[in-house]
Each structure stands twice: as C-alpha cells, then as structure tokens.
C-alpha cells in the first residue's frame, strides 16, 4: 500500500492525559519528533483521512487550520491522526457551546445536545464570533486578502464545509481560545 503522507508512529503508553471531550477515544501523546503533546484520535470509519485531506485543502486555500498528521499507535496498530493543541497553555479552548451559553443562559450546553440544537443558528454564531478577535498566530499567518475579522475566518470554514460536504460543524466543533479575547 502506498501512503501519500507520512504516518507518524505514536506510543499510547507515553500518554500524558486523556481527552474527555467528545465520544471518541483520544489521548494526548508527545509527538515523537518534537516532544510537544499532540492529540491522538483513533480512526473511526475513515475520519483520519477526511481530517488529513481537509487539513491539506485548508493549507492550499490559506484557511487557518489545525495541522493533522496520519498516525499509527505502536502497541495496538490503531490508525488515527495526531494534531497539536489549538489553545496551548497558557491559553484555554472555549467551545462554541460555551460561548453561546454566555450569550444566552437558556442555551443547551450539555454533551447530549451536540447535534440538532435549534438555538445553534448562523445569527447566534455570528453574534458571538463578531465579539472575538481574529485567530492568533500561527493561525492568522498568511490569511487571504480581505480577511479582516474572526467572522471572515468563520465564513471561510463554512465555505470549506460546503466544498467538502462536512456535516460536523456542531457547536463543540468551533470556538475561540482565551487568547482570542471577547
């Protein structure tokens, strides 16, 4: 089998922390080349390739994105992807549902309501995102001309979602970090 992209070997026995957000199995593992913790997400029905391809498209379209590498876990041979922390310390990630909850106390923020949340609308998201600063470096490096705000960046994500038929832009799959500012 030919791999178009390198596959990074990771060792889950070196895990520094489990990731509890979401339903999928994830763990923080030192990247073998840098020693910096990256999130290893175990493959689920081709999601590893989908995330890697989306990452590569974002790179070519100059859309701010998290860098993904294909990975294999050494002890179990589990396939997946690894990616760096989008809000590395001292920053913290604030998910869309949390931001929307700050705007509307009645917003359903619990895990079970990830999909089909009626209050998760373009208007509500826009109201929150307009209060955020543009993503910090390195995510704001090399933005296309005309991109001046966090809403411009988010609009790029919606256009990407349409291009790749992404159906996973739920309220816990976008956000800001404590360094973006509100």
Protein backbone atom coordinates (compact mmCIF):
# COMPACT_ATOMS: atom_id res chain seq x y z
CA UNK A 1 0.00 0.00 0.00
CA UNK A 2 1.33 3.45 -0.95
CA UNK A 3 0.99 6.30 1.55
CA UNK A 4 0.84 9.80 0.10
CA UNK A 5 1.56 11.27 3.51
CA UNK A 6 3.91 10.06 6.22
CA UNK A 7 2.37 8.04 9.04
CA UNK A 8 3.71 9.05 12.46
CA UNK A 9 4.26 6.25 14.96
CA UNK A 10 2.97 7.09 18.43
CA UNK A 11 3.08 5.20 21.70
CA UNK A 12 -0.02 5.49 23.89
CA UNK A 13 2.00 4.24 26.88
CA UNK A 14 3.60 7.71 26.85
CA UNK A 15 0.18 9.36 27.17
CA UNK A 16 0.24 12.47 29.32
CA UNK A 17 -3.51 12.91 29.59
CA UNK A 18 -6.79 11.53 28.28
CA UNK A 19 -9.07 13.87 26.35
CA UNK A 20 -12.57 13.62 27.81
CA UNK A 21 -14.32 15.95 25.39
CA UNK A 22 -16.43 14.10 22.85
CA UNK A 23 -17.40 10.47 22.46
CA UNK A 24 -14.37 9.28 20.51
CA UNK A 25 -11.27 7.82 22.12
CA UNK A 26 -8.49 10.43 22.28
CA UNK A 27 -5.31 10.88 24.25
CA UNK A 28 -2.50 13.42 24.50
CA UNK A 29 0.82 11.92 23.41
CA UNK A 30 4.23 13.57 22.95
CA UNK A 31 4.94 14.00 19.24
CA UNK A 32 7.95 11.75 18.56
CA UNK A 33 9.81 14.50 16.65
CA UNK A 34 9.19 17.44 19.00
CA UNK A 35 8.18 16.04 22.39
CA UNK A 36 5.26 18.53 22.45
CA UNK A 37 1.90 16.95 23.32
CA UNK A 38 -0.33 16.28 20.33
CA UNK A 39 -3.82 14.80 20.42
CA UNK A 40 -4.07 11.26 19.04
CA UNK A 41 -7.55 10.50 17.75
CA UNK A 42 -8.27 6.87 16.91
CA UNK A 43 -9.71 6.28 13.45
CA UNK A 44 -13.44 5.92 13.01
CA UNK A 45 -14.67 4.97 9.52
CA UNK A 46 -12.14 6.97 7.53
CA UNK A 47 -12.23 10.11 9.66
CA UNK A 48 -8.44 10.10 9.81
CA UNK A 49 -8.15 10.56 6.04
CA UNK A 50 -11.00 13.06 5.97
CA UNK A 51 -9.26 15.23 8.58
CA UNK A 52 -5.89 14.96 6.82
CA UNK A 53 -7.40 15.87 3.43
CA UNK A 54 -9.35 18.78 4.95
CA UNK A 55 -6.11 19.97 6.57
CA UNK A 56 -4.28 19.86 3.24
CA UNK A 57 -7.12 21.72 1.48
CA UNK A 58 -7.05 24.41 4.17
CA UNK A 59 -3.31 24.74 3.65
CA UNK A 60 -3.75 25.29 -0.08
CA UNK A 61 -6.74 27.63 0.36
CA UNK A 62 -4.94 29.59 3.10
CA UNK A 63 -7.67 28.92 5.66
CA UNK A 64 -6.45 28.92 9.28
CA UNK A 65 -6.46 25.33 10.49
CA UNK A 66 -5.02 22.77 12.82
CA UNK A 67 -2.29 20.67 11.25
CA UNK A 68 -3.09 16.94 11.13
CA UNK A 69 -0.72 14.04 10.57
CA UNK A 70 -1.74 10.45 9.93
CA UNK A 71 -0.64 8.23 12.82
CA UNK A 72 -0.48 4.64 14.00
CA UNK A 73 -0.37 3.60 17.65
CA UNK A 74 2.54 1.17 18.09
CA UNK A 75 1.18 -1.27 20.67
CA UNK A 76 -2.30 -1.72 19.16
CA UNK A 77 -1.68 -0.78 15.49
CA UNK A 78 -4.70 1.53 15.80
CA UNK A 79 -4.82 4.05 12.96
CA UNK A 80 -5.73 7.67 13.52
CA UNK A 81 -4.45 11.22 13.34
CA UNK A 82 -2.47 13.49 15.61
CA UNK A 83 -2.78 17.25 15.89
CA UNK A 84 -1.33 19.93 18.16
CA UNK A 85 -3.32 21.72 20.81
CA UNK A 86 -5.16 24.67 19.21
CA UNK A 87 -5.02 26.53 22.51
CA UNK A 88 -1.71 25.53 24.00
CA UNK A 89 -1.07 26.69 27.58
CA UNK A 90 -1.41 29.27 28.94
CA UNK A 91 -4.43 29.64 26.65
CA UNK A 92 -7.57 27.53 27.02
CA UNK A 93 -10.09 26.48 24.40
CA UNK A 94 -13.58 27.94 24.77
CA UNK A 95 -16.03 25.90 22.70
CA UNK A 96 -18.86 27.37 20.68
CA UNK A 97 -21.50 25.97 23.04
CA UNK A 98 -19.76 27.70 25.97
CA UNK A 99 -19.57 30.99 24.08
CA UNK A 100 -23.21 30.71 23.06
CA UNK A 101 -24.12 29.87 26.68
CA UNK A 102 -22.51 33.12 27.81
CA UNK A 103 -24.71 34.96 25.33
CA UNK A 104 -27.91 33.07 26.20
CA UNK A 105 -28.32 31.45 29.65
CA UNK A 106 -31.00 29.10 28.24
CA UNK A 107 -28.64 27.73 25.59
CA UNK A 108 -28.40 23.89 25.88
CA UNK A 109 -24.70 23.28 26.52
CA UNK A 110 -24.78 19.63 27.60
CA UNK A 111 -22.93 16.96 25.59
CA UNK A 112 -26.10 15.10 24.55
CA UNK A 113 -27.38 18.13 22.67
CA UNK A 114 -24.43 18.38 20.29
CA UNK A 115 -26.49 17.96 17.11
CA UNK A 116 -29.89 19.41 16.24
CA UNK A 117 -29.70 22.29 18.72
CA UNK A 118 -32.30 24.77 17.49
CA UNK A 119 -30.50 27.72 19.09
CA UNK A 120 -27.29 26.95 17.17
CA UNK A 121 -28.07 29.30 14.30
CA UNK A 122 -25.95 31.36 11.93
CA UNK A 123 -27.27 34.53 13.58
CA UNK A 124 -26.34 33.35 17.10
CA UNK A 125 -22.92 32.15 15.98
CA UNK A 126 -22.30 35.44 14.14
CA UNK A 127 -23.23 37.43 17.25
CA UNK A 128 -20.65 35.51 19.29
CA UNK A 129 -17.91 35.46 16.65
CA UNK A 130 -18.20 39.21 16.00
CA UNK A 131 -17.01 39.70 19.60
CA UNK A 132 -13.89 37.57 19.06
CA UNK A 133 -10.56 38.78 17.77
CA UNK A 134 -9.07 37.23 14.67
CA UNK A 135 -7.25 33.97 15.49
CA UNK A 136 -3.76 34.38 16.91
CA UNK A 137 -0.50 33.33 15.28
CA UNK A 138 0.17 30.83 13.77
CA UNK A 139 -3.47 30.50 12.69
CA UNK A 140 -3.65 34.04 11.33
CA UNK A 141 -0.41 33.83 9.36
CA UNK A 142 -0.85 34.10 5.59
CA UNK A 143 -4.57 34.86 5.56
CA UNK A 144 -6.05 35.56 2.13
CA UNK A 145 -6.54 39.20 1.19
CA UNK A 146 -9.73 40.72 2.54
CA UNK A 147 -9.89 38.54 5.66
CA UNK A 148 -10.07 41.09 8.44
CA UNK A 149 -12.11 39.53 11.26
CA UNK A 150 -12.94 36.33 13.10
CA UNK A 151 -16.25 36.30 11.20
CA UNK A 152 -14.35 36.37 7.90
CA UNK A 153 -12.36 33.34 9.09
CA UNK A 154 -15.52 31.51 10.18
CA UNK A 155 -17.15 32.27 6.83
CA UNK A 156 -14.15 30.58 5.22
CA UNK A 157 -14.86 27.49 7.34
CA UNK A 158 -18.49 27.45 6.21
CA UNK A 159 -17.36 27.68 2.60
CA UNK A 160 -14.90 24.83 3.20
CA UNK A 161 -17.69 22.79 4.84
CA UNK A 162 -19.81 23.24 1.71
CA UNK A 163 -16.87 22.31 -0.54
CA UNK A 164 -16.07 19.06 1.32
CA UNK A 165 -19.65 18.26 2.45
CA UNK A 166 -18.63 18.50 6.12
CA UNK A 167 -21.61 17.84 8.37
CA UNK A 168 -19.67 18.10 11.62
CA UNK A 169 -19.72 21.87 12.31
CA UNK A 170 -21.69 21.42 15.56
CA UNK A 171 -21.41 23.80 18.48
CA UNK A 172 -18.50 21.90 20.06
CA UNK A 173 -16.51 21.88 16.82
CA UNK A 174 -15.61 25.56 16.71
CA UNK A 175 -14.63 28.10 19.32
CA UNK A 176 -12.04 30.53 20.47
CA UNK A 177 -9.27 30.44 22.99
CA UNK A 178 -8.58 32.58 25.99
CA UNK A 179 -6.09 34.48 23.84
CA UNK A 180 -8.64 35.48 21.18
CA UNK A 181 -10.40 37.90 23.53
CA UNK A 182 -14.07 38.76 23.73
